Amino acid sequence: MKIHEYQAKELLKEYNVAVPAGVATTSVDEAVEAAKEMKENGSSLFVVKAQIHAGGRGKGKTKNSGASGVILCKTIDEVREAAESLLGD
């Protein structure tokens, strides 16, 4: 069975397994809003990830922007840039 990371986390939560906080988004604006909420709740680092059925997201690069599939961000502006590089604007 192949499922995305966010789906696996939801499944683990159903069985009371602790997983890191996260939000799956489908647009740049959603990613920015999610990061703002996380910041309000005390988060100071954000990880923007491509959700694909493949290993090595952090090693590869996207075709158009050349971005890694896993991007560590320290600011909301960096989250916006990362989401734009993975999703387009």
PDB file of N, CA and C in Angstrom:
ATOM      1  N   MET A   1       0.841  -1.172   0.000  1.00  0.00           N
ATOM      2  CA  MET A   1       0.000   0.000   0.000  1.00  0.00           C
ATOM      3  C   MET A   1       0.887   1.236   0.000  1.00  0.00           C
ATOM      4  N   LYS A   2       0.572   2.165  -0.871  1.00  0.00           N
ATOM      5  CA  LYS A   2       1.309   3.427  -0.914  1.00  0.00           C
ATOM      6  C   LYS A   2       0.378   4.545  -0.475  1.00  0.00           C
ATOM      7  N   ILE A   3       0.793   5.253   0.574  1.00  0.00           N
ATOM      8  CA  ILE A   3       0.032   6.407   1.026  1.00  0.00           C
ATOM      9  C   ILE A   3       0.998   7.564   1.254  1.00  0.00           C
ATOM     10  N   HIS A   4       0.461   8.763   1.216  1.00  0.00           N
ATOM     11  CA  HIS A   4       1.283   9.945   1.458  1.00  0.00           C
ATOM     12  C   HIS A   4       1.585  10.073   2.946  1.00  0.00           C
ATOM     13  N   GLU A   5       2.613  10.846   3.257  1.00  0.00           N
ATOM     14  CA  GLU A   5       3.006  11.053   4.650  1.00  0.00           C
ATOM     15  C   GLU A   5       1.852  11.597   5.490  1.00  0.00           C
ATOM     16  N   TYR A   6       1.130  12.581   4.976  1.00  0.00           N
ATOM     17  CA  TYR A   6       0.038  13.162   5.766  1.00  0.00           C
ATOM     18  C   TYR A   6      -1.049  12.128   6.036  1.00  0.00           C
ATOM     19  N   GLN A   7      -1.279  11.199   5.102  1.00  0.00           N
ATOM     20  CA  GLN A   7      -2.270  10.150   5.302  1.00  0.00           C
ATOM     21  C   GLN A   7      -1.799   9.159   6.368  1.00  0.00           C
ATOM     22  N   ALA A   8      -0.524   8.841   6.341  1.00  0.00           N
ATOM     23  CA  ALA A   8       0.037   7.933   7.346  1.00  0.00           C
ATOM     24  C   ALA A   8      -0.062   8.550   8.736  1.00  0.00           C
ATOM     25  N   LYS A   9       0.214   9.854   8.830  1.00  0.00           N
ATOM     26  CA  LYS A   9       0.126  10.534  10.122  1.00  0.00           C
ATOM     27  C   LYS A   9      -1.310  10.512  10.654  1.00  0.00           C
ATOM     28  N   GLU A  10      -2.289  10.718   9.780  1.00  0.00           N
ATOM     29  CA  GLU A  10      -3.691  10.667  10.195  1.00  0.00           C
ATOM     30  C   GLU A  10      -4.044   9.281  10.718  1.00  0.00           C
ATOM     31  N   LEU A  11      -3.576   8.256  10.032  1.00  0.00           N
ATOM     32  CA  LEU A  11      -3.834   6.879  10.449  1.00  0.00           C
ATOM     33  C   LEU A  11      -3.197   6.592  11.809  1.00  0.00           C
ATOM     34  N   LEU A  12      -1.957   7.012  11.997  1.00  0.00           N
ATOM     35  CA  LEU A  12      -1.276   6.801  13.272  1.00  0.00           C
ATOM     36  C   LEU A  12      -1.991   7.529  14.410  1.00  0.00           C
ATOM     37  N   LYS A  13      -2.477   8.733  14.150  1.00  0.00           N
ATOM     38  CA  LYS A  13      -3.209   9.494  15.174  1.00  0.00           C
ATOM     39  C   LYS A  13      -4.452   8.746  15.634  1.00  0.00           C
ATOM     40  N   GLU A  14      -5.126   8.055  14.704  1.00  0.00           N
ATOM     41  CA  GLU A  14      -6.322   7.288  15.052  1.00  0.00           C
ATOM     42  C   GLU A  14      -6.016   6.226  16.101  1.00  0.00           C
ATOM     43  N   TYR A  15      -4.774   5.762  16.140  1.00  0.00           N
ATOM     44  CA  TYR A  15      -4.358   4.732  17.095  1.00  0.00           C
ATOM     45  C   TYR A  15      -3.520   5.328  18.225  1.00  0.00           C
ATOM     46  N   ASN A  16      -3.687   6.642  18.434  1.00  0.00           N
ATOM     47  CA  ASN A  16      -3.037   7.362  19.528  1.00  0.00           C
ATOM     48  C   ASN A  16      -1.519   7.300  19.501  1.00  0.00           C
ATOM     49  N   VAL A  17      -0.951   7.226  18.319  1.00  0.00           N
ATOM     50  CA  VAL A  17       0.499   7.294  18.162  1.00  0.00           C
ATOM     51  C   VAL A  17       0.868   8.771  17.999  1.00  0.00           C
ATOM     52  N   ALA A  18       1.839   9.226  18.778  1.00  0.00           N
ATOM     53  CA  ALA A  18       2.254  10.630  18.698  1.00  0.00           C
ATOM     54  C   ALA A  18       2.969  10.898  17.373  1.00  0.00           C
ATOM     55  N   VAL A  19       2.549  11.946  16.701  1.00  0.00           N
ATOM     56  CA  VAL A  19       3.188  12.369  15.450  1.00  0.00           C
ATOM     57  C   VAL A  19       3.394  13.879  15.507  1.00  0.00           C
ATOM     58  N   PRO A  20       4.397  14.393  14.808  1.00  0.00           N
ATOM     59  CA  PRO A  20       4.613  15.842  14.797  1.00  0.00           C
ATOM     60  C   PRO A  20       3.419  16.575  14.183  1.00  0.00           C
ATOM     61  N   ALA A  21       3.185  17.783  14.654  1.00  0.00           N
ATOM     62  CA  ALA A  21       2.097  18.600  14.107  1.00  0.00           C
ATOM     63  C   ALA A  21       2.371  18.890  12.642  1.00  0.00           C
ATOM     64  N   GLY A  22       1.319  18.955  11.861  1.00  0.00           N
ATOM     65  CA  GLY A  22       1.480  19.263  10.448  1.00  0.00           C
ATOM     66  C   GLY A  22       0.138  19.485   9.789  1.00  0.00           C
ATOM     67  N   VAL A  23       0.176  20.124   8.643  1.00  0.00           N
ATOM     68  CA  VAL A  23      -1.036  20.420   7.887  1.00  0.00           C
ATOM     69  C   VAL A  23      -0.745  20.163   6.415  1.00  0.00           C
ATOM     70  N   ALA A  24      -1.614  19.404   5.759  1.00  0.00           N
ATOM     71  CA  ALA A  24      -1.490  19.212   4.313  1.00  0.00           C
ATOM     72  C   ALA A  24      -2.236  20.348   3.624  1.00  0.00           C
ATOM     73  N   THR A  25      -1.588  20.995   2.672  1.00  0.00           N
ATOM     74  CA  THR A  25      -2.206  22.108   1.951  1.00  0.00           C
ATOM     75  C   THR A  25      -2.078  21.881   0.449  1.00  0.00           C
ATOM     76  N   THR A  26      -2.923  22.564  -0.296  1.00  0.00           N
ATOM     77  CA  THR A  26      -2.892  22.404  -1.751  1.00  0.00           C
ATOM     78  C   THR A  26      -2.666  23.716  -2.489  1.00  0.00           C
ATOM     79  N   SER A  27      -2.387  24.775  -1.730  1.00  0.00           N
ATOM     80  CA  SER A  27      -2.105  26.059  -2.371  1.00  0.00           C
ATOM     81  C   SER A  27      -1.081  26.827  -1.545  1.00  0.00           C
ATOM     82  N   VAL A  28      -0.472  27.807  -2.167  1.00  0.00           N
ATOM     83  CA  VAL A  28       0.508  28.655  -1.481  1.00  0.00           C
ATOM     84  C   VAL A  28      -0.169  29.385  -0.329  1.00  0.00           C
ATOM     85  N   ASP A  29      -1.343  29.944  -0.576  1.00  0.00           N
ATOM     86  CA  ASP A  29      -2.046  30.689   0.473  1.00  0.00           C
ATOM     87  C   ASP A  29      -2.382  29.799   1.665  1.00  0.00           C
ATOM     88  N   GLU A  30      -2.811  28.565   1.412  1.00  0.00           N
ATOM     89  CA  GLU A  30      -3.101  27.634   2.505  1.00  0.00           C
ATOM     90  C   GLU A  30      -1.843  27.337   3.312  1.00  0.00           C
ATOM     91  N   ALA A  31      -0.720  27.160   2.637  1.00  0.00           N
ATOM     92  CA  ALA A  31       0.542  26.878   3.328  1.00  0.00           C
ATOM     93  C   ALA A  31       0.938  28.046   4.224  1.00  0.00           C
ATOM     94  N   VAL A  32       0.784  29.254   3.721  1.00  0.00           N
ATOM     95  CA  VAL A  32       1.121  30.451   4.502  1.00  0.00           C
ATOM     96  C   VAL A  32       0.201  30.564   5.716  1.00  0.00           C
ATOM     97  N   GLU A  33      -1.094  30.367   5.524  1.00  0.00           N
ATOM     98  CA  GLU A  33      -2.038  30.450   6.643  1.00  0.00           C
ATOM     99  C   GLU A  33      -1.743  29.376   7.687  1.00  0.00           C
ATOM    100  N   ALA A  34      -1.416  28.164   7.244  1.00  0.00           N
ATOM    101  CA  ALA A  34      -1.077  27.093   8.184  1.00  0.00           C
ATOM    102  C   ALA A  34       0.166  27.456   8.987  1.00  0.00           C
ATOM    103  N   ALA A  35       1.159  28.021   8.335  1.00  0.00           N
ATOM    104  CA  ALA A  35       2.385  28.425   9.029  1.00  0.00           C
ATOM    105  C   ALA A  35       2.101  29.535  10.034  1.00  0.00           C
ATOM    106  N   LYS A  36       1.236  30.466   9.673  1.00  0.00           N
ATOM    107  CA  LYS A  36       0.876  31.548  10.603  1.00  0.00           C
ATOM    108  C   LYS A  36       0.213  30.981  11.857  1.00  0.00           C
ATOM    109  N   GLU A  37      -0.700  30.024  11.679  1.00  0.00           N
ATOM    110  CA  GLU A  37      -1.350  29.386  12.827  1.00  0.00           C
ATOM    111  C   GLU A  37      -0.334  28.646  13.686  1.00  0.00           C
ATOM    112  N   MET A  38       0.576  27.928  13.039  1.00  0.00           N
ATOM    113  CA  MET A  38       1.594  27.190  13.786  1.00  0.00           C
ATOM    114  C   MET A  38       2.494  28.154  14.555  1.00  0.00           C
ATOM    115  N   LYS A  39       2.815  29.278  13.939  1.00  0.00           N
ATOM    116  CA  LYS A  39       3.650  30.278  14.616  1.00  0.00           C
ATOM    117  C   LYS A  39       2.935  30.818  15.850  1.00  0.00           C
ATOM    118  N   GLU A  40       1.633  31.085  15.724  1.00  0.00           N
ATOM    119  CA  GLU A  40       0.842  31.554  16.864  1.00  0.00           C
ATOM    120  C   GLU A  40       0.832  30.533  17.998  1.00  0.00           C
ATOM    121  N   ASN A  41       0.978  29.254  17.649  1.00  0.00           N
ATOM    122  CA  ASN A  41       0.994  28.183  18.647  1.00  0.00           C
ATOM    123  C   ASN A  41       2.400  27.834  19.112  1.00  0.00           C
ATOM    124  N   GLY A  42       3.382  28.666  18.752  1.00  0.00           N
ATOM    125  CA  GLY A  42       4.728  28.494  19.289  1.00  0.00           C
ATOM    126  C   GLY A  42       5.765  27.887  18.365  1.00  0.00           C
ATOM    127  N   SER A  43       5.397  27.518  17.151  1.00  0.00           N
ATOM    128  CA  SER A  43       6.376  26.946  16.222  1.00  0.00           C
ATOM    129  C   SER A  43       7.307  28.036  15.705  1.00  0.00           C
ATOM    130  N   SER A  44       8.585  27.699  15.599  1.00  0.00           N
ATOM    131  CA  SER A  44       9.554  28.666  15.066  1.00  0.00           C
ATOM    132  C   SER A  44      10.245  28.148  13.809  1.00  0.00           C
ATOM    133  N   LEU A  45      10.045  26.884  13.495  1.00  0.00           N
ATOM    134  CA  LEU A  45      10.573  26.287  12.266  1.00  0.00           C
ATOM    135  C   LEU A  45       9.432  25.602  11.537  1.00  0.00           C
ATOM    136  N   PHE A  46       9.501  25.623  10.222  1.00  0.00           N
ATOM    137  CA  PHE A  46       8.467  25.023   9.393  1.00  0.00           C
ATOM    138  C   PHE A  46       9.143  24.189   8.313  1.00  0.00           C
ATOM    139  N   VAL A  47       8.548  23.055   7.973  1.00  0.00           N
ATOM    140  CA  VAL A  47       9.087  22.212   6.913  1.00  0.00           C
ATOM    141  C   VAL A  47       8.017  22.084   5.835  1.00  0.00           C
ATOM    142  N   VAL A  48       8.335  22.541   4.649  1.00  0.00           N
ATOM    143  CA  VAL A  48       7.427  22.434   3.510  1.00  0.00           C
ATOM    144  C   VAL A  48       7.886  21.224   2.705  1.00  0.00           C
ATOM    145  N   LYS A  49       6.959  20.271   2.503  1.00  0.00           N
ATOM    146  CA  LYS A  49       7.314  19.013   1.839  1.00  0.00           C
ATOM    147  C   LYS A  49       6.401  18.738   0.651  1.00  0.00           C
ATOM    148  N   ALA A  50       6.976  18.199  -0.397  1.00  0.00           N
ATOM    149  CA  ALA A  50       6.187  17.682  -1.515  1.00  0.00           C
ATOM    150  C   ALA A  50       5.617  16.337  -1.078  1.00  0.00           C
ATOM    151  N   GLN A  51       4.365  16.089  -1.387  1.00  0.00           N
ATOM    152  CA  GLN A  51       3.747  14.808  -1.058  1.00  0.00           C
ATOM    153  C   GLN A  51       3.685  13.977  -2.330  1.00  0.00           C
ATOM    154  N   ILE A  52       4.628  13.067  -2.462  1.00  0.00           N
ATOM    155  CA  ILE A  52       4.717  12.216  -3.647  1.00  0.00           C
ATOM    156  C   ILE A  52       4.965  10.783  -3.210  1.00  0.00           C
ATOM    157  N   HIS A  53       4.632   9.838  -4.070  1.00  0.00           N
ATOM    158  CA  HIS A  53       4.898   8.431  -3.794  1.00  0.00           C
ATOM    159  C   HIS A  53       6.296   8.070  -4.281  1.00  0.00           C
ATOM    160  N   ALA A  54       7.275   8.531  -3.554  1.00  0.00           N
ATOM    161  CA  ALA A  54       8.668   8.232  -3.908  1.00  0.00           C
ATOM    162  C   ALA A  54       9.541   8.518  -2.705  1.00  0.00           C
ATOM    163  N   GLY A  55      10.626   7.825  -2.607  1.00  0.00           N
ATOM    164  CA  GLY A  55      11.568   8.094  -1.531  1.00  0.00           C
ATOM    165  C   GLY A  55      12.556   9.163  -1.954  1.00  0.00           C
ATOM    166  N   GLY A  56      13.306   9.650  -0.998  1.00  0.00           N
ATOM    167  CA  GLY A  56      14.378  10.582  -1.312  1.00  0.00           C
ATOM    168  C   GLY A  56      13.941  11.969  -1.711  1.00  0.00           C
ATOM    169  N   ARG A  57      12.808  12.460  -1.169  1.00  0.00           N
ATOM    170  CA  ARG A  57      12.335  13.802  -1.538  1.00  0.00           C
ATOM    171  C   ARG A  57      13.383  14.870  -1.267  1.00  0.00           C
ATOM    172  N   GLY A  58      14.155  14.683  -0.198  1.00  0.00           N
ATOM    173  CA  GLY A  58      15.161  15.677   0.160  1.00  0.00           C
ATOM    174  C   GLY A  58      16.375  15.656  -0.740  1.00  0.00           C
ATOM    175  N   LYS A  59      16.553  14.565  -1.486  1.00  0.00           N
ATOM    176  CA  LYS A  59      17.724  14.429  -2.359  1.00  0.00           C
ATOM    177  C   LYS A  59      17.468  14.947  -3.768  1.00  0.00           C
ATOM    178  N   GLY A  60      16.239  14.774  -4.237  1.00  0.00           N
ATOM    179  CA  GLY A  60      15.922  15.164  -5.610  1.00  0.00           C
ATOM    180  C   GLY A  60      15.609  16.638  -5.742  1.00  0.00           C
ATOM    181  N   LYS A  61      15.370  17.060  -6.955  1.00  0.00           N
ATOM    182  CA  LYS A  61      15.025  18.454  -7.266  1.00  0.00           C
ATOM    183  C   LYS A  61      13.789  18.469  -8.148  1.00  0.00           C
ATOM    184  N   THR A  62      12.959  19.502  -7.979  1.00  0.00           N
ATOM    185  CA  THR A  62      11.794  19.626  -8.843  1.00  0.00           C
ATOM    186  C   THR A  62      12.229  20.030 -10.246  1.00  0.00           C
ATOM    187  N   LYS A  63      11.435  19.642 -11.221  1.00  0.00           N
ATOM    188  CA  LYS A  63      11.794  19.867 -12.621  1.00  0.00           C
ATOM    189  C   LYS A  63      11.851  21.352 -12.985  1.00  0.00           C
ATOM    190  N   ASN A  64      10.834  22.115 -12.602  1.00  0.00           N
ATOM    191  CA  ASN A  64      10.768  23.519 -13.031  1.00  0.00           C
ATOM    192  C   ASN A  64      11.610  24.465 -12.187  1.00  0.00           C
ATOM    193  N   SER A  65      11.488  24.374 -10.847  1.00  0.00           N
ATOM    194  CA  SER A  65      12.175  25.353  -9.999  1.00  0.00           C
ATOM    195  C   SER A  65      13.523  24.869  -9.487  1.00  0.00           C
ATOM    196  N   GLY A  66      13.765  23.558  -9.551  1.00  0.00           N
ATOM    197  CA  GLY A  66      15.012  23.019  -9.018  1.00  0.00           C
ATOM    198  C   GLY A  66      15.023  22.923  -7.505  1.00  0.00           C
ATOM    199  N   ALA A  67      13.856  23.101  -6.867  1.00  0.00           N
ATOM    200  CA  ALA A  67      13.756  23.049  -5.410  1.00  0.00           C
ATOM    201  C   ALA A  67      13.827  21.611  -4.917  1.00  0.00           C
ATOM    202  N   SER A  68      14.338  21.443  -3.711  1.00  0.00           N
ATOM    203  CA  SER A  68      14.308  20.153  -3.036  1.00  0.00           C
ATOM    204  C   SER A  68      12.861  19.844  -2.680  1.00  0.00           C
ATOM    205  N   GLY A  69      12.529  18.581  -2.494  1.00  0.00           N
ATOM    206  CA  GLY A  69      11.176  18.193  -2.103  1.00  0.00           C
ATOM    207  C   GLY A  69      10.903  18.397  -0.630  1.00  0.00           C
ATOM    208  N   VAL A  70      11.931  18.741   0.153  1.00  0.00           N
ATOM    209  CA  VAL A  70      11.796  19.027   1.583  1.00  0.00           C
ATOM    210  C   VAL A  70      12.569  20.310   1.863  1.00  0.00           C
ATOM    211  N   ILE A  71      11.870  21.346   2.324  1.00  0.00           N
ATOM    212  CA  ILE A  71      12.496  22.659   2.509  1.00  0.00           C
ATOM    213  C   ILE A  71      12.253  23.154   3.936  1.00  0.00           C
ATOM    214  N   LEU A  72      13.330  23.394   4.684  1.00  0.00           N
ATOM    215  CA  LEU A  72      13.251  23.930   6.038  1.00  0.00           C
ATOM    216  C   LEU A  72      13.129  25.448   5.975  1.00  0.00           C
ATOM    217  N   CYS A  73      12.145  25.985   6.676  1.00  0.00           N
ATOM    218  CA  CYS A  73      11.882  27.430   6.653  1.00  0.00           C
ATOM    219  C   CYS A  73      11.892  27.993   8.067  1.00  0.00           C
ATOM    220  N   LYS A  74      12.419  29.208   8.193  1.00  0.00           N
ATOM    221  CA  LYS A  74      12.463  29.885   9.489  1.00  0.00           C
ATOM    222  C   LYS A  74      11.475  31.039   9.583  1.00  0.00           C
ATOM    223  N   THR A  75      10.943  31.483   8.460  1.00  0.00           N
ATOM    224  CA  THR A  75      10.009  32.615   8.456  1.00  0.00           C
ATOM    225  C   THR A  75       8.798  32.293   7.582  1.00  0.00           C
ATOM    226  N   ILE A  76       7.751  33.084   7.767  1.00  0.00           N
ATOM    227  CA  ILE A  76       6.549  32.929   6.942  1.00  0.00           C
ATOM    228  C   ILE A  76       6.867  33.236   5.481  1.00  0.00           C
ATOM    229  N   ASP A  77       7.720  34.225   5.232  1.00  0.00           N
ATOM    230  CA  ASP A  77       8.119  34.542   3.855  1.00  0.00           C
ATOM    231  C   ASP A  77       8.830  33.364   3.205  1.00  0.00           C
ATOM    232  N   GLU A  78       9.670  32.661   3.973  1.00  0.00           N
ATOM    233  CA  GLU A  78      10.353  31.477   3.434  1.00  0.00           C
ATOM    234  C   GLU A  78       9.350  30.370   3.131  1.00  0.00           C
ATOM    235  N   VAL A  79       8.305  30.235   3.959  1.00  0.00           N
ATOM    236  CA  VAL A  79       7.251  29.248   3.691  1.00  0.00           C
ATOM    237  C   VAL A  79       6.578  29.580   2.367  1.00  0.00           C
ATOM    238  N   ARG A  80       6.254  30.856   2.159  1.00  0.00           N
ATOM    239  CA  ARG A  80       5.625  31.272   0.895  1.00  0.00           C
ATOM    240  C   ARG A  80       6.524  30.913  -0.293  1.00  0.00           C
ATOM    241  N   GLU A  81       7.810  31.246  -0.203  1.00  0.00           N
ATOM    242  CA  GLU A  81       8.751  30.957  -1.296  1.00  0.00           C
ATOM    243  C   GLU A  81       8.858  29.456  -1.546  1.00  0.00           C
ATOM    244  N   ALA A  82       8.918  28.669  -0.474  1.00  0.00           N
ATOM    245  CA  ALA A  82       9.030  27.216  -0.620  1.00  0.00           C
ATOM    246  C   ALA A  82       7.780  26.638  -1.270  1.00  0.00           C
ATOM    247  N   ALA A  83       6.613  27.073  -0.804  1.00  0.00           N
ATOM    248  CA  ALA A  83       5.361  26.578  -1.379  1.00  0.00           C
ATOM    249  C   ALA A  83       5.240  26.970  -2.848  1.00  0.00           C
ATOM    250  N   GLU A  84       5.642  28.192  -3.178  1.00  0.00           N
ATOM    251  CA  GLU A  84       5.608  28.621  -4.582  1.00  0.00           C
ATOM    252  C   GLU A  84       6.527  27.761  -5.435  1.00  0.00           C
ATOM    253  N   SER A  85       7.692  27.393  -4.894  1.00  0.00           N
ATOM    254  CA  SER A  85       8.633  26.595  -5.684  1.00  0.00           C
ATOM    255  C   SER A  85       8.119  25.177  -5.903  1.00  0.00           C
ATOM    256  N   LEU A  86       7.313  24.667  -4.956  1.00  0.00           N
ATOM    257  CA  LEU A  86       6.791  23.307  -5.098  1.00  0.00           C
ATOM    258  C   LEU A  86       5.435  23.262  -5.796  1.00  0.00           C
ATOM    259  N   LEU A  87       4.602  24.265  -5.548  1.00  0.00           N
ATOM    260  CA  LEU A  87       3.240  24.253  -6.081  1.00  0.00           C
ATOM    261  C   LEU A  87       3.028  25.188  -7.257  1.00  0.00           C
ATOM    262  N   GLY A  88       3.904  26.159  -7.419  1.00  0.00           N
ATOM    263  CA  GLY A  88       3.673  27.214  -8.399  1.00  0.00           C
ATOM    264  C   GLY A  88       2.885  28.317  -7.729  1.00  0.00           C
ATOM    265  N   ASP A  89       2.763  29.450  -8.379  1.00  0.00           N
ATOM    266  CA  ASP A  89       2.047  30.567  -7.734  1.00  0.00           C
ATOM    267  C   ASP A  89       0.705  30.822  -8.362  1.00  0.00           C
TER     268      ASP A  89
END
